[in-house]
């Protein structure tokens, strides 16, 4: 068995790691594929492995097999890649985070300017819920393999403390400044996690907090970015993002954008069916 031969694969960061069938299996199960089909793909990918194969090649093979079976499975499988496709700038990612929080009961503002004790600060997302206010900074990486290091929470914590000092002095309405957040589409380094815990920053990444990271929230709420669609072209996705349509759920409510793109009715219906399945609507 190739699993016993300790196949080394190359990650997007360039690091070499041992290939894990169990990790591949879990990622395929998240797509919603049934157990029989998951095992078929696992076996097929395992038989095609070779020393030094890249994670990208493994992903592309699994993605192609899922898409051939059912496009909705491929759409869910490509979630992480789809978030990278929100780039190259971080602004769509900020709007994506704000949208996730709105569906979680927050009121949000994007690009809000707040006065600090020393200087003013433009905050990526300001989120309010139950009288508590979160100051949220989003760190978007368009290159796979890059992690969010300790410099980021260090910098953001200093900004948050400057805002907090002014906020508390001015007694800003009935709301209380609750916490600073750092949100990234990648992963935090160990030092970044340790520092965030030490100064009480809320860190949200692909898989942190455990069980409630970005991946978990998106799957649980059905809040997939429009970039997961396998039926829309890259040009069509960029058009929708430019019109502030970031979530699949938003396109379901504003399907007239597909008319602006001159998408014919049969294809439009296929796209809408895919979106309804993604959003559990």
Protein backbone atom coordinates (compact mmCIF):
# COMPACT_ATOMS: atom_id res chain seq x y z
CA UNK A 1 0.00 0.00 0.00
CA UNK A 2 1.32 3.44 -0.89
CA UNK A 3 0.19 4.79 2.46
CA UNK A 4 2.75 2.46 4.09
CA UNK A 5 5.54 3.76 1.82
CA UNK A 6 5.41 7.15 3.58
CA UNK A 7 4.72 9.24 0.50
CA UNK A 8 6.02 12.80 0.94
CA UNK A 9 3.96 15.58 -0.61
CA UNK A 10 4.88 19.22 -1.15
CA UNK A 11 2.59 21.89 0.33
CA UNK A 12 1.98 25.28 -1.29
CA UNK A 13 4.44 26.75 1.23
CA UNK A 14 7.15 24.46 -0.13
CA UNK A 15 7.25 22.34 3.03
CA UNK A 16 7.34 18.55 2.72
CA UNK A 17 4.92 16.52 4.82
CA UNK A 18 3.75 12.91 4.97
CA UNK A 19 0.62 12.27 2.93
CA UNK A 20 -2.42 11.41 5.06
CA UNK A 21 -5.30 9.40 3.65
CA UNK A 22 -7.40 10.33 6.68
CA UNK A 23 -7.02 14.08 5.97
CA UNK A 24 -8.03 13.56 2.35
CA UNK A 25 -10.98 11.47 3.47
CA UNK A 26 -12.19 14.15 5.92
CA UNK A 27 -11.95 16.91 3.32
CA UNK A 28 -13.99 14.82 0.87
CA UNK A 29 -16.60 14.03 3.51
CA UNK A 30 -17.06 17.77 4.10
CA UNK A 31 -18.17 18.09 0.48
CA UNK A 32 -21.24 16.00 1.28
CA UNK A 33 -20.16 13.01 -0.84
CA UNK A 34 -21.43 9.66 0.44
CA UNK A 35 -19.01 7.21 2.06
CA UNK A 36 -18.88 4.87 -0.94
CA UNK A 37 -17.91 7.65 -3.34
CA UNK A 38 -15.42 9.10 -0.86
CA UNK A 39 -13.63 5.75 -0.68
CA UNK A 40 -13.60 5.47 -4.46
CA UNK A 41 -11.83 8.82 -4.73
CA UNK A 42 -9.45 8.04 -1.86
CA UNK A 43 -8.43 4.78 -3.51
CA UNK A 44 -8.01 6.39 -6.92
CA UNK A 45 -5.90 9.27 -5.58
CA UNK A 46 -3.81 6.86 -3.49
CA UNK A 47 -3.03 4.76 -6.57
CA UNK A 48 -1.81 7.87 -8.44
CA UNK A 49 0.52 9.15 -5.71
CA UNK A 50 4.25 9.50 -6.20
CA UNK A 51 7.07 10.94 -4.11
CA UNK A 52 7.08 14.74 -4.24
CA UNK A 53 3.57 15.17 -5.61
CA UNK A 54 2.16 18.59 -4.77
CA UNK A 55 -0.95 19.20 -2.69
CA UNK A 56 -2.25 21.20 -5.66
CA UNK A 57 -2.09 18.11 -7.90
CA UNK A 58 -3.90 16.02 -5.29
CA UNK A 59 -6.55 18.72 -4.87
CA UNK A 60 -7.05 19.07 -8.64
CA UNK A 61 -7.52 15.32 -9.06
CA UNK A 62 -10.04 15.03 -6.22
CA UNK A 63 -11.86 18.16 -7.41
CA UNK A 64 -12.18 16.81 -10.96
CA UNK A 65 -13.61 13.51 -9.72
CA UNK A 66 -16.15 15.30 -7.50
CA UNK A 67 -17.19 17.68 -10.29
CA UNK A 68 -17.68 14.79 -12.69
CA UNK A 69 -20.05 13.20 -10.18
CA UNK A 70 -21.93 16.32 -9.05
CA UNK A 71 -21.00 20.02 -9.26
CA UNK A 72 -22.36 20.84 -5.78
CA UNK A 73 -19.81 18.44 -4.24
CA UNK A 74 -16.95 20.15 -6.06
CA UNK A 75 -18.23 23.59 -5.01
CA UNK A 76 -18.14 22.67 -1.32
CA UNK A 77 -14.76 20.96 -1.69
CA UNK A 78 -13.16 24.10 -3.16
CA UNK A 79 -14.21 26.37 -0.26
CA UNK A 80 -10.69 27.25 0.90
CA UNK A 81 -9.52 27.96 -2.65
CA UNK A 82 -12.67 30.00 -3.26
CA UNK A 83 -11.82 32.33 -0.37
CA UNK A 84 -8.39 32.95 -1.92
CA UNK A 85 -10.25 33.87 -5.11
CA UNK A 86 -11.90 36.78 -3.31
CA UNK A 87 -8.58 38.61 -3.89
CA UNK A 88 -6.26 40.07 -5.00
CA UNK A 89 -7.32 42.92 -2.70
CA UNK A 90 -8.68 42.24 0.78
CA UNK A 91 -11.86 44.30 0.42
CA UNK A 92 -14.18 41.49 -0.78
CA UNK A 93 -12.86 39.40 2.14
CA UNK A 94 -13.81 42.17 4.59
CA UNK A 95 -17.31 42.26 3.09
CA UNK A 96 -17.46 38.47 3.29
CA UNK A 97 -16.60 38.50 7.01
CA UNK A 98 -19.15 41.25 7.63
CA UNK A 99 -21.82 39.18 5.83
CA UNK A 100 -21.05 36.09 7.94
CA UNK A 101 -21.40 38.16 11.12
CA UNK A 102 -24.70 39.71 9.96
CA UNK A 103 -26.17 36.25 9.57
CA UNK A 104 -24.93 35.53 13.10
CA UNK A 105 -26.96 38.39 14.59
CA UNK A 106 -24.48 41.27 14.39
CA UNK A 107 -24.97 44.68 12.81
CA UNK A 108 -21.86 45.57 10.84
CA UNK A 109 -20.09 48.48 9.20
CA UNK A 110 -17.17 48.07 6.79
CA UNK A 111 -14.36 50.63 6.55
CA UNK A 112 -15.46 52.58 9.61
CA UNK A 113 -13.15 55.41 10.76
CA UNK A 114 -12.76 55.59 14.54
CA UNK A 115 -10.94 58.13 16.65
CA UNK A 116 -8.17 56.80 18.85
CA UNK A 117 -6.41 58.49 21.73
CA UNK A 118 -3.46 59.37 19.50
CA UNK A 119 -4.65 59.05 15.87
CA UNK A 120 -7.66 58.00 13.81
CA UNK A 121 -7.99 54.43 12.54
CA UNK A 122 -9.89 52.92 9.64
CA UNK A 123 -11.37 49.68 10.94
CA UNK A 124 -12.09 46.87 8.48
CA UNK A 125 -15.31 45.74 10.21
CA UNK A 126 -17.14 47.16 13.22
CA UNK A 127 -19.62 44.61 14.58
CA UNK A 128 -22.26 45.19 17.27
CA UNK A 129 -24.38 42.68 19.16
CA UNK A 130 -26.20 42.91 22.50
CA UNK A 131 -24.64 46.28 23.27
CA UNK A 132 -21.09 44.98 22.75
CA UNK A 133 -18.82 46.24 19.97
CA UNK A 134 -16.04 44.26 18.29
CA UNK A 135 -13.27 46.02 16.37
CA UNK A 136 -12.27 43.61 13.60
CA UNK A 137 -9.20 43.68 11.39
CA UNK A 138 -9.04 41.34 8.41
CA UNK A 139 -5.73 39.99 7.13
CA UNK A 140 -6.22 38.55 3.66
CA UNK A 141 -3.53 36.56 1.86
CA UNK A 142 -4.02 35.85 -1.83
CA UNK A 143 -1.02 33.49 -1.91
CA UNK A 144 -1.56 29.99 -0.60
CA UNK A 145 1.02 28.79 1.88
CA UNK A 146 1.44 32.07 3.77
CA UNK A 147 0.56 32.16 7.46
CA UNK A 148 -0.39 35.07 9.69
CA UNK A 149 2.60 35.70 11.96
CA UNK A 150 2.84 37.40 15.37
CA UNK A 151 3.52 40.84 13.87
CA UNK A 152 -0.11 41.08 12.80
CA UNK A 153 -1.82 40.68 16.22
CA UNK A 154 0.94 42.83 17.78
CA UNK A 155 0.11 45.68 15.42
CA UNK A 156 -3.65 45.25 15.66
CA UNK A 157 -3.60 45.09 19.45
CA UNK A 158 -1.83 48.45 19.60
CA UNK A 159 -4.47 49.99 17.31
CA UNK A 160 -7.27 48.46 19.36
CA UNK A 161 -5.86 49.84 22.61
CA UNK A 162 -5.59 53.33 21.10
CA UNK A 163 -9.25 53.17 20.00
CA UNK A 164 -10.33 51.73 23.35
CA UNK A 165 -8.64 54.51 25.35
CA UNK A 166 -10.57 57.17 23.44
CA UNK A 167 -13.82 55.16 23.43
CA UNK A 168 -13.86 54.72 27.20
CA UNK A 169 -13.05 58.36 27.84
CA UNK A 170 -15.87 59.54 25.58
CA UNK A 171 -18.43 57.00 26.96
CA UNK A 172 -19.54 56.18 23.41
CA UNK A 173 -23.32 55.83 23.70
CA UNK A 174 -24.71 52.79 25.48
CA UNK A 175 -22.35 50.39 23.74
CA UNK A 176 -19.27 48.85 25.30
CA UNK A 177 -16.09 48.17 23.37
CA UNK A 178 -15.79 44.46 23.97
CA UNK A 179 -12.83 43.01 22.13
CA UNK A 180 -10.40 43.32 19.25
CA UNK A 181 -10.52 40.65 16.56
CA UNK A 182 -8.01 39.46 13.99
CA UNK A 183 -9.49 37.48 11.10
CA UNK A 184 -7.42 35.77 8.42
CA UNK A 185 -8.19 33.43 5.54
CA UNK A 186 -5.03 31.43 6.28
CA UNK A 187 -3.64 30.10 9.57
CA UNK A 188 -1.96 31.73 12.55
CA UNK A 189 1.56 30.80 13.61
CA UNK A 190 2.04 29.41 17.11
CA UNK A 191 3.51 32.73 18.29
CA UNK A 192 0.52 34.62 16.90
CA UNK A 193 -1.88 32.30 18.73
CA UNK A 194 0.09 32.61 21.98
CA UNK A 195 0.19 36.39 21.79
CA UNK A 196 -3.52 36.66 20.93
CA UNK A 197 -4.41 34.51 23.94
CA UNK A 198 -2.11 36.51 26.21
CA UNK A 199 -3.61 39.93 25.35
CA UNK A 200 -7.20 38.62 24.91
CA UNK A 201 -7.56 39.23 21.18
CA UNK A 202 -10.16 37.08 19.43
CA UNK A 203 -8.42 35.19 16.63
CA UNK A 204 -10.49 33.73 13.79
CA UNK A 205 -8.87 31.77 10.99
CA UNK A 206 -9.58 28.84 8.68
CA UNK A 207 -9.55 26.37 11.59
CA UNK A 208 -9.33 28.53 14.77
CA UNK A 209 -11.16 28.50 17.17
CA UNK A 210 -11.35 24.71 16.99
CA UNK A 211 -14.84 23.74 15.88
CA UNK A 212 -15.81 27.36 15.20
CA UNK A 213 -13.29 28.55 12.62
CA UNK A 214 -14.21 30.09 9.27
CA UNK A 215 -14.65 26.70 7.62
CA UNK A 216 -17.03 25.52 10.38
CA UNK A 217 -19.08 28.73 10.38
CA UNK A 218 -19.48 28.74 6.61
CA UNK A 219 -20.54 25.08 6.48
CA UNK A 220 -22.89 25.45 9.45
CA UNK A 221 -24.63 28.59 8.18
CA UNK A 222 -24.49 27.79 4.46
CA UNK A 223 -22.75 31.13 3.83
CA UNK A 224 -20.56 30.21 0.88
CA UNK A 225 -18.74 32.90 -1.11
CA UNK A 226 -19.88 33.33 -4.69
CA UNK A 227 -16.44 32.15 -5.80
CA UNK A 228 -17.23 28.52 -4.85
CA UNK A 229 -19.52 28.17 -7.86
CA UNK A 230 -18.27 25.80 -10.53
CA UNK A 231 -20.88 27.06 -13.01
CA UNK A 232 -19.92 30.75 -13.04
CA UNK A 233 -16.88 31.94 -15.00
CA UNK A 234 -14.10 33.97 -13.41
CA UNK A 235 -15.29 37.06 -15.30
CA UNK A 236 -18.85 36.58 -14.01
CA UNK A 237 -17.64 36.16 -10.43
CA UNK A 238 -15.58 39.36 -10.63
CA UNK A 239 -18.61 41.22 -11.99
CA UNK A 240 -20.72 40.04 -9.05
CA UNK A 241 -18.03 40.93 -6.50
CA UNK A 242 -17.79 44.41 -8.03
CA UNK A 243 -21.54 44.76 -7.38
CA UNK A 244 -21.09 43.75 -3.70
CA UNK A 245 -22.58 40.29 -4.27
CA UNK A 246 -20.22 38.27 -2.07
CA UNK A 247 -22.41 35.39 -0.85
CA UNK A 248 -24.25 32.76 -2.87
CA UNK A 249 -27.24 33.56 -0.68
CA UNK A 250 -27.14 37.18 -1.85
CA UNK A 251 -27.25 36.14 -5.50
CA UNK A 252 -30.30 34.01 -4.76
CA UNK A 253 -32.05 37.19 -3.62
CA UNK A 254 -30.64 39.33 -6.46
CA UNK A 255 -30.73 36.95 -9.41
CA UNK A 256 -31.32 39.88 -11.80
CA UNK A 257 -27.52 40.26 -11.85
CA UNK A 258 -27.45 37.10 -13.97
CA UNK A 259 -29.66 38.91 -16.48
CA UNK A 260 -27.13 41.77 -16.59
CA UNK A 261 -24.53 39.15 -17.48
CA UNK A 262 -26.83 37.99 -20.32
CA UNK A 263 -26.91 34.43 -19.01
CA UNK A 264 -29.47 32.36 -20.88
CA UNK A 265 -32.40 30.89 -19.00
CA UNK A 266 -31.38 27.18 -19.05
CA UNK A 267 -27.92 27.99 -17.66
CA UNK A 268 -29.39 30.50 -15.22
CA UNK A 269 -31.64 27.80 -13.79
CA UNK A 270 -28.67 25.45 -13.33
CA UNK A 271 -26.77 28.18 -11.48
CA UNK A 272 -29.75 28.98 -9.25
CA UNK A 273 -30.23 25.28 -8.47
CA UNK A 274 -26.58 25.01 -7.44
CA UNK A 275 -26.93 28.10 -5.21
CA UNK A 276 -30.07 26.76 -3.52
CA UNK A 277 -28.33 23.48 -2.75
CA UNK A 278 -25.29 25.29 -1.33
CA UNK A 279 -27.42 27.52 0.88
CA UNK A 280 -29.78 24.72 1.94
CA UNK A 281 -32.67 26.80 0.57
